C-alpha atoms as a PDB file:
ATOM      1  CA  UNK A   1      -4.917 -13.165  -2.957  1.00  0.00           C
ATOM      2  CA  UNK A   2      -7.358 -10.281  -3.377  1.00  0.00           C
ATOM      3  CA  UNK A   3      -6.958  -7.562  -6.182  1.00  0.00           C
ATOM      4  CA  UNK A   4      -8.423  -3.736  -5.305  1.00  0.00           C
ATOM      5  CA  UNK A   5      -8.769  -1.138  -6.816  1.00  0.00           C
ATOM      6  CA  UNK A   6      -8.558   2.121  -4.998  1.00  0.00           C
ATOM      7  CA  UNK A   7      -8.853   5.593  -5.901  1.00  0.00           C
ATOM      8  CA  UNK A   8      -7.794   8.727  -3.503  1.00  0.00           C
ATOM      9  CA  UNK A   9      -9.167  11.949  -4.440  1.00  0.00           C
ATOM     10  CA  UNK A  10      -7.910  15.079  -2.109  1.00  0.00           C
ATOM     11  CA  UNK A  11     -10.569  17.731  -1.708  1.00  0.00           C
ATOM     12  CA  UNK A  12     -10.064  21.344  -0.615  1.00  0.00           C
ATOM     13  CA  UNK A  13      -6.888  21.624  -2.131  1.00  0.00           C
ATOM     14  CA  UNK A  14      -5.070  25.014  -4.101  1.00  0.00           C
ATOM     15  CA  UNK A  15      -5.134  22.792  -7.447  1.00  0.00           C
ATOM     16  CA  UNK A  16      -7.517  21.004  -9.279  1.00  0.00           C
ATOM     17  CA  UNK A  17      -4.598  18.616 -10.643  1.00  0.00           C
ATOM     18  CA  UNK A  18      -4.383  15.704  -8.588  1.00  0.00           C
ATOM     19  CA  UNK A  19      -1.026  14.118 -10.280  1.00  0.00           C
ATOM     20  CA  UNK A  20       1.483  14.925  -7.596  1.00  0.00           C
ATOM     21  CA  UNK A  21      -0.854  13.486  -4.986  1.00  0.00           C
ATOM     22  CA  UNK A  22      -0.843  10.231  -7.124  1.00  0.00           C
ATOM     23  CA  UNK A  23       2.729  10.308  -7.605  1.00  0.00           C
ATOM     24  CA  UNK A  24       3.196  10.445  -3.448  1.00  0.00           C
ATOM     25  CA  UNK A  25       1.038   7.389  -3.553  1.00  0.00           C
ATOM     26  CA  UNK A  26       2.688   5.634  -5.631  1.00  0.00           C
ATOM     27  CA  UNK A  27       5.879   6.120  -3.782  1.00  0.00           C
ATOM     28  CA  UNK A  28       4.415   4.460  -0.952  1.00  0.00           C
ATOM     29  CA  UNK A  29       3.411   1.659  -3.440  1.00  0.00           C
ATOM     30  CA  UNK A  30       6.867   1.257  -4.764  1.00  0.00           C
ATOM     31  CA  UNK A  31       8.244   0.825  -1.023  1.00  0.00           C
ATOM     32  CA  UNK A  32       6.038  -2.136  -0.033  1.00  0.00           C
ATOM     33  CA  UNK A  33       7.165  -5.432  -0.854  1.00  0.00           C
ATOM     34  CA  UNK A  34       4.285  -7.642  -0.784  1.00  0.00           C
ATOM     35  CA  UNK A  35       2.080  -6.101  -3.407  1.00  0.00           C
ATOM     36  CA  UNK A  36       2.068  -5.857  -7.046  1.00  0.00           C
ATOM     37  CA  UNK A  37      -0.163  -2.905  -8.250  1.00  0.00           C
ATOM     38  CA  UNK A  38      -0.896  -0.960 -11.495  1.00  0.00           C
ATOM     39  CA  UNK A  39      -1.459   2.500 -12.277  1.00  0.00           C
ATOM     40  CA  UNK A  40      -4.524   3.145 -14.331  1.00  0.00           C
ATOM     41  CA  UNK A  41      -6.466   6.299 -15.817  1.00  0.00           C
ATOM     42  CA  UNK A  42      -8.845   6.394 -12.724  1.00  0.00           C
ATOM     43  CA  UNK A  43      -7.185   4.546 -10.348  1.00  0.00           C
ATOM     44  CA  UNK A  44      -4.573   1.925  -9.037  1.00  0.00           C
ATOM     45  CA  UNK A  45      -5.132  -1.951  -8.842  1.00  0.00           C
ATOM     46  CA  UNK A  46      -3.258  -3.209  -6.011  1.00  0.00           C
ATOM     47  CA  UNK A  47      -3.042  -7.635  -5.756  1.00  0.00           C
ATOM     48  CA  UNK A  48      -1.851  -8.978  -2.685  1.00  0.00           C
ATOM     49  CA  UNK A  49      -3.082 -10.277   0.863  1.00  0.00           C
ATOM     50  CA  UNK A  50      -6.143  -8.215   1.815  1.00  0.00           C
ATOM     51  CA  UNK A  51      -4.938  -7.291   5.248  1.00  0.00           C
ATOM     52  CA  UNK A  52      -1.647  -5.865   3.547  1.00  0.00           C
ATOM     53  CA  UNK A  53      -3.667  -3.998   1.298  1.00  0.00           C
ATOM     54  CA  UNK A  54      -5.810  -2.439   3.854  1.00  0.00           C
ATOM     55  CA  UNK A  55      -2.736  -1.341   5.796  1.00  0.00           C
ATOM     56  CA  UNK A  56      -1.392   0.206   2.468  1.00  0.00           C
ATOM     57  CA  UNK A  57      -4.707   2.295   1.898  1.00  0.00           C
ATOM     58  CA  UNK A  58      -4.516   3.511   5.441  1.00  0.00           C
ATOM     59  CA  UNK A  59      -1.014   5.024   4.318  1.00  0.00           C
ATOM     60  CA  UNK A  60      -1.974   6.391   1.352  1.00  0.00           C
ATOM     61  CA  UNK A  61      -5.165   7.669   2.397  1.00  0.00           C
ATOM     62  CA  UNK A  62      -3.496   9.819   4.788  1.00  0.00           C
ATOM     63  CA  UNK A  63      -0.887  11.111   2.442  1.00  0.00           C
ATOM     64  CA  UNK A  64      -3.297  14.046   1.017  1.00  0.00           C
ATOM     65  CA  UNK A  65      -3.918  15.187   4.852  1.00  0.00           C
ATOM     66  CA  UNK A  66      -0.287  15.416   5.389  1.00  0.00           C
ATOM     67  CA  UNK A  67      -0.022  17.343   2.188  1.00  0.00           C
ATOM     68  CA  UNK A  68      -2.819  19.758   2.836  1.00  0.00           C
ATOM     69  CA  UNK A  69      -6.077  18.742   1.928  1.00  0.00           C
ATOM     70  CA  UNK A  70      -8.851  19.325   4.061  1.00  0.00           C
ATOM     71  CA  UNK A  71     -10.844  16.328   2.989  1.00  0.00           C
ATOM     72  CA  UNK A  72     -10.098  13.209   1.559  1.00  0.00           C
ATOM     73  CA  UNK A  73     -12.669  11.111  -0.438  1.00  0.00           C
ATOM     74  CA  UNK A  74     -11.098   7.449  -0.921  1.00  0.00           C
ATOM     75  CA  UNK A  75     -13.203   4.666  -2.941  1.00  0.00           C
ATOM     76  CA  UNK A  76     -12.220   0.971  -2.741  1.00  0.00           C
ATOM     77  CA  UNK A  77     -13.460  -2.125  -4.849  1.00  0.00           C
ATOM     78  CA  UNK A  78     -12.146  -5.366  -3.377  1.00  0.00           C
ATOM     79  CA  UNK A  79     -12.386  -8.750  -5.432  1.00  0.00           C
ATOM     80  CA  UNK A  80     -11.239 -11.165  -2.941  1.00  0.00           C
ATOM     81  CA  UNK A  81     -11.784 -14.872  -5.025  1.00  0.00           C
ATOM     82  CA  UNK A  82     -10.893 -17.389  -2.573  1.00  0.00           C
ATOM     83  CA  UNK A  83     -12.175 -20.466  -4.638  1.00  0.00           C
ATOM     84  CA  UNK A  84      -9.252 -20.371  -7.429  1.00  0.00           C
ATOM     85  CA  UNK A  85      -6.137 -17.891  -7.933  1.00  0.00           C
ATOM     86  CA  UNK A  86      -6.356 -14.521  -9.821  1.00  0.00           C
ATOM     87  CA  UNK A  87      -4.442 -11.684 -10.439  1.00  0.00           C
ATOM     88  CA  UNK A  88      -4.490  -8.791 -12.503  1.00  0.00           C
ATOM     89  CA  UNK A  89      -3.179 -10.122 -15.782  1.00  0.00           C
ATOM     90  CA  UNK A  90      -5.103 -13.133 -15.460  1.00  0.00           C
ATOM     91  CA  UNK A  91      -8.316 -11.189 -15.041  1.00  0.00           C
ATOM     92  CA  UNK A  92      -7.263  -9.033 -18.340  1.00  0.00           C
ATOM     93  CA  UNK A  93      -6.385 -12.294 -20.185  1.00  0.00           C
ATOM     94  CA  UNK A  94      -9.849 -13.810 -19.440  1.00  0.00           C
ATOM     95  CA  UNK A  95     -11.760 -10.768 -20.958  1.00  0.00           C
ATOM     96  CA  UNK A  96      -9.633 -10.709 -23.772  1.00  0.00           C
ATOM     97  CA  UNK A  97      -9.880 -14.378 -24.563  1.00  0.00           C
ATOM     98  CA  UNK A  98     -13.496 -13.617 -25.132  1.00  0.00           C
ATOM     99  CA  UNK A  99     -13.267 -11.044 -27.600  1.00  0.00           C
END
């Protein structure tokens, strides 16, 4: 299972606020059954099979274009660990246990 952080930034919009685009992306995520996700202040973390996540990222990358953006910058970080199972909460617990 992969854990991916994604941030989609529309450029060339009439407003500097991005929250409506983020909300639109999260509506797409809410309709996906095969992932878990978590909104953060600077992006979204998605957990699931990598192929599924990449297909979903294509959808959320396209959304700002569909809503008038002239350019979209999408940043993706992938943690694809194969030696043991990992998930969002486990990663957080691991760090907190060391504090």
